[in-house]
C-alpha atoms as a PDB file:
ATOM      1  CA  UNK A   1      66.375 115.078 125.702  1.00  0.00           C
ATOM      2  CA  UNK A   2      65.988 111.737 127.461  1.00  0.00           C
ATOM      3  CA  UNK A   3      69.526 110.253 128.666  1.00  0.00           C
ATOM      4  CA  UNK A   4      69.884 107.869 125.699  1.00  0.00           C
ATOM      5  CA  UNK A   5      69.086 110.527 123.070  1.00  0.00           C
ATOM      6  CA  UNK A   6      72.216 111.553 121.318  1.00  0.00           C
ATOM      7  CA  UNK A   7      73.904 115.038 122.041  1.00  0.00           C
ATOM      8  CA  UNK A   8      73.028 117.381 119.264  1.00  0.00           C
ATOM      9  CA  UNK A   9      76.262 118.228 117.083  1.00  0.00           C
ATOM     10  CA  UNK A  10      77.218 122.170 117.027  1.00  0.00           C
ATOM     11  CA  UNK A  11      78.271 122.368 113.245  1.00  0.00           C
ATOM     12  CA  UNK A  12      79.759 126.426 113.828  1.00  0.00           C
ATOM     13  CA  UNK A  13      82.738 126.015 111.526  1.00  0.00           C
ATOM     14  CA  UNK A  14      84.327 125.310 108.097  1.00  0.00           C
ATOM     15  CA  UNK A  15      87.440 123.455 107.378  1.00  0.00           C
ATOM     16  CA  UNK A  16      89.550 124.114 104.069  1.00  0.00           C
ATOM     17  CA  UNK A  17      92.310 122.632 103.339  1.00  0.00           C
ATOM     18  CA  UNK A  18      94.992 123.900 101.416  1.00  0.00           C
ATOM     19  CA  UNK A  19      97.304 126.479 100.783  1.00  0.00           C
ATOM     20  CA  UNK A  20      96.765 127.805  97.448  1.00  0.00           C
ATOM     21  CA  UNK A  21      95.559 131.227  95.771  1.00  0.00           C
ATOM     22  CA  UNK A  22      92.142 129.395  95.641  1.00  0.00           C
ATOM     23  CA  UNK A  23      92.487 128.232  99.602  1.00  0.00           C
ATOM     24  CA  UNK A  24      93.168 131.798 100.497  1.00  0.00           C
ATOM     25  CA  UNK A  25      90.886 133.617  98.536  1.00  0.00           C
ATOM     26  CA  UNK A  26      88.192 131.171  99.749  1.00  0.00           C
ATOM     27  CA  UNK A  27      89.259 131.671 103.475  1.00  0.00           C
ATOM     28  CA  UNK A  28      89.590 135.364 103.372  1.00  0.00           C
ATOM     29  CA  UNK A  29      85.888 135.341 101.633  1.00  0.00           C
ATOM     30  CA  UNK A  30      84.367 133.048 104.278  1.00  0.00           C
ATOM     31  CA  UNK A  31      85.964 135.236 107.385  1.00  0.00           C
ATOM     32  CA  UNK A  32      86.482 138.507 106.086  1.00  0.00           C
ATOM     33  CA  UNK A  33      83.227 138.677 104.346  1.00  0.00           C
ATOM     34  CA  UNK A  34      80.930 136.285 106.016  1.00  0.00           C
ATOM     35  CA  UNK A  35      82.213 136.591 109.525  1.00  0.00           C
ATOM     36  CA  UNK A  36      82.515 132.264 109.558  1.00  0.00           C
ATOM     37  CA  UNK A  37      84.928 130.371 111.598  1.00  0.00           C
ATOM     38  CA  UNK A  38      87.780 128.715 109.779  1.00  0.00           C
ATOM     39  CA  UNK A  39      89.917 126.162 110.107  1.00  0.00           C
ATOM     40  CA  UNK A  40      92.477 125.820 107.655  1.00  0.00           C
ATOM     41  CA  UNK A  41      94.696 122.365 107.115  1.00  0.00           C
ATOM     42  CA  UNK A  42      98.344 123.023 105.067  1.00  0.00           C
ATOM     43  CA  UNK A  43     101.414 121.527 105.078  1.00  0.00           C
ATOM     44  CA  UNK A  44     103.072 124.134 106.616  1.00  0.00           C
ATOM     45  CA  UNK A  45     102.287 128.132 107.259  1.00  0.00           C
ATOM     46  CA  UNK A  46     105.818 128.950 105.726  1.00  0.00           C
ATOM     47  CA  UNK A  47     104.704 127.717 102.367  1.00  0.00           C
ATOM     48  CA  UNK A  48     102.449 128.831  99.772  1.00  0.00           C
ATOM     49  CA  UNK A  49      99.801 131.770 101.019  1.00  0.00           C
ATOM     50  CA  UNK A  50     100.304 129.668 104.425  1.00  0.00           C
ATOM     51  CA  UNK A  51     100.938 133.531 105.975  1.00  0.00           C
ATOM     52  CA  UNK A  52      98.403 135.014 104.613  1.00  0.00           C
ATOM     53  CA  UNK A  53      95.677 132.687 105.270  1.00  0.00           C
ATOM     54  CA  UNK A  54      97.040 132.201 109.220  1.00  0.00           C
ATOM     55  CA  UNK A  55      96.803 136.308 109.794  1.00  0.00           C
ATOM     56  CA  UNK A  56      92.553 136.080 108.633  1.00  0.00           C
ATOM     57  CA  UNK A  57      90.814 137.145 111.636  1.00  0.00           C
ATOM     58  CA  UNK A  58      88.492 133.609 112.337  1.00  0.00           C
ATOM     59  CA  UNK A  59      90.770 131.381 111.662  1.00  0.00           C
ATOM     60  CA  UNK A  60      92.614 128.103 112.863  1.00  0.00           C
ATOM     61  CA  UNK A  61      95.634 126.775 111.367  1.00  0.00           C
ATOM     62  CA  UNK A  62      96.854 123.411 111.954  1.00  0.00           C
ATOM     63  CA  UNK A  63      99.600 122.255 109.729  1.00  0.00           C
ATOM     64  CA  UNK A  64      99.401 118.275 108.848  1.00  0.00           C
ATOM     65  CA  UNK A  65     101.764 116.855 105.846  1.00  0.00           C
ATOM     66  CA  UNK A  66      98.894 114.402 104.654  1.00  0.00           C
ATOM     67  CA  UNK A  67      94.850 114.834 104.847  1.00  0.00           C
ATOM     68  CA  UNK A  68      94.513 111.547 107.257  1.00  0.00           C
ATOM     69  CA  UNK A  69      92.099 110.668 109.739  1.00  0.00           C
ATOM     70  CA  UNK A  70      94.317 112.253 112.426  1.00  0.00           C
ATOM     71  CA  UNK A  71      94.379 115.730 110.474  1.00  0.00           C
ATOM     72  CA  UNK A  72      90.458 115.443 110.224  1.00  0.00           C
ATOM     73  CA  UNK A  73      89.725 114.657 113.563  1.00  0.00           C
ATOM     74  CA  UNK A  74      92.231 117.575 114.818  1.00  0.00           C
ATOM     75  CA  UNK A  75      90.192 119.875 112.635  1.00  0.00           C
ATOM     76  CA  UNK A  76      86.961 118.734 114.348  1.00  0.00           C
ATOM     77  CA  UNK A  77      85.344 117.726 110.556  1.00  0.00           C
ATOM     78  CA  UNK A  78      82.947 115.867 112.703  1.00  0.00           C
ATOM     79  CA  UNK A  79      81.227 118.674 113.985  1.00  0.00           C
ATOM     80  CA  UNK A  80      82.263 120.740 110.793  1.00  0.00           C
ATOM     81  CA  UNK A  81      79.282 122.216 108.487  1.00  0.00           C
ATOM     82  CA  UNK A  82      81.454 122.042 105.033  1.00  0.00           C
ATOM     83  CA  UNK A  83      84.773 121.346 104.056  1.00  0.00           C
ATOM     84  CA  UNK A  84      86.533 122.330 101.190  1.00  0.00           C
ATOM     85  CA  UNK A  85      89.567 120.345  99.792  1.00  0.00           C
ATOM     86  CA  UNK A  86      91.737 122.868  97.232  1.00  0.00           C
ATOM     87  CA  UNK A  87      94.750 120.548  96.568  1.00  0.00           C
ATOM     88  CA  UNK A  88      96.584 120.407  93.760  1.00  0.00           C
ATOM     89  CA  UNK A  89      95.910 116.367  93.476  1.00  0.00           C
ATOM     90  CA  UNK A  90      92.431 115.009  92.064  1.00  0.00           C
ATOM     91  CA  UNK A  91      93.086 111.429  93.059  1.00  0.00           C
ATOM     92  CA  UNK A  92      93.954 112.825  97.016  1.00  0.00           C
ATOM     93  CA  UNK A  93      91.396 115.126  97.204  1.00  0.00           C
ATOM     94  CA  UNK A  94      88.664 112.279  96.250  1.00  0.00           C
ATOM     95  CA  UNK A  95      90.601 110.047  98.736  1.00  0.00           C
ATOM     96  CA  UNK A  96      90.854 112.948 101.523  1.00  0.00           C
ATOM     97  CA  UNK A  97      86.682 113.294 100.866  1.00  0.00           C
ATOM     98  CA  UNK A  98      85.969 109.877 101.407  1.00  0.00           C
ATOM     99  CA  UNK A  99      87.643 109.514 104.871  1.00  0.00           C
ATOM    100  CA  UNK A 100      86.069 113.201 105.704  1.00  0.00           C
ATOM    101  CA  UNK A 101      82.935 112.021 104.511  1.00  0.00           C
ATOM    102  CA  UNK A 102      83.382 108.472 107.248  1.00  0.00           C
ATOM    103  CA  UNK A 103      83.641 111.144 110.036  1.00  0.00           C
ATOM    104  CA  UNK A 104      80.488 113.094 109.183  1.00  0.00           C
ATOM    105  CA  UNK A 105      78.067 112.159 106.676  1.00  0.00           C
ATOM    106  CA  UNK A 106      76.055 115.324 106.615  1.00  0.00           C
ATOM    107  CA  UNK A 107      79.108 117.453 105.563  1.00  0.00           C
ATOM    108  CA  UNK A 108      78.877 119.864 102.656  1.00  0.00           C
ATOM    109  CA  UNK A 109      81.648 118.998  99.893  1.00  0.00           C
ATOM    110  CA  UNK A 110      83.674 121.264  97.681  1.00  0.00           C
ATOM    111  CA  UNK A 111      86.162 119.580  95.910  1.00  0.00           C
ATOM    112  CA  UNK A 112      88.735 121.265  93.667  1.00  0.00           C
ATOM    113  CA  UNK A 113      89.327 118.849  90.911  1.00  0.00           C
ATOM    114  CA  UNK A 114      91.604 119.513  87.568  1.00  0.00           C
ATOM    115  CA  UNK A 115      89.665 117.048  85.641  1.00  0.00           C
ATOM    116  CA  UNK A 116      86.504 118.323  84.866  1.00  0.00           C
ATOM    117  CA  UNK A 117      84.914 114.643  83.313  1.00  0.00           C
ATOM    118  CA  UNK A 118      86.597 113.068  86.224  1.00  0.00           C
ATOM    119  CA  UNK A 119      84.966 115.815  88.908  1.00  0.00           C
ATOM    120  CA  UNK A 120      81.503 115.380  87.236  1.00  0.00           C
ATOM    121  CA  UNK A 121      81.850 111.478  88.083  1.00  0.00           C
ATOM    122  CA  UNK A 122      82.932 112.294  91.535  1.00  0.00           C
ATOM    123  CA  UNK A 123      80.317 114.526  92.498  1.00  0.00           C
ATOM    124  CA  UNK A 124      78.435 110.834  91.946  1.00  0.00           C
ATOM    125  CA  UNK A 125      79.998 109.578  95.539  1.00  0.00           C
ATOM    126  CA  UNK A 126      78.683 112.020  97.852  1.00  0.00           C
ATOM    127  CA  UNK A 127      75.700 113.698  98.529  1.00  0.00           C
ATOM    128  CA  UNK A 128      76.198 117.434  98.597  1.00  0.00           C
ATOM    129  CA  UNK A 129      79.017 117.869  96.955  1.00  0.00           C
ATOM    130  CA  UNK A 130      80.634 120.747  94.721  1.00  0.00           C
ATOM    131  CA  UNK A 131      83.366 120.332  92.216  1.00  0.00           C
ATOM    132  CA  UNK A 132      85.450 123.608  91.106  1.00  0.00           C
ATOM    133  CA  UNK A 133      87.044 122.963  88.219  1.00  0.00           C
ATOM    134  CA  UNK A 134      90.436 124.466  87.779  1.00  0.00           C
ATOM    135  CA  UNK A 135      91.190 124.060  83.959  1.00  0.00           C
ATOM    136  CA  UNK A 136      87.524 125.380  83.676  1.00  0.00           C
ATOM    137  CA  UNK A 137      88.390 128.469  86.058  1.00  0.00           C
END
């Protein structure tokens, strides 16, 4: 490497946003079954499935009320391989995904979107995005 070449980014962790049943199941699969290191951003460890999630191996929990720029920096989204946004707010999930993409354009995105028609349109905004329709599940 030359002094001008960029330092390669290590993409060694995943980020999951949410504290519901879907988030708990996904984090459990990623950590227990696949041995992944997962950072979870949730409003409070004491609400939802927060305590269950925080007890899983390989999990780092960050408590943030909002999925804003600071929360994504604290979760090290710029160096993450993938981000799952699993909150119960379609528009909020979309805005959060846009913020995350600004920090890491190569990020693999997974979003929970209740409205499946909206979810199909949202996918077109991102290079690598999967949409989980909670109404279809």
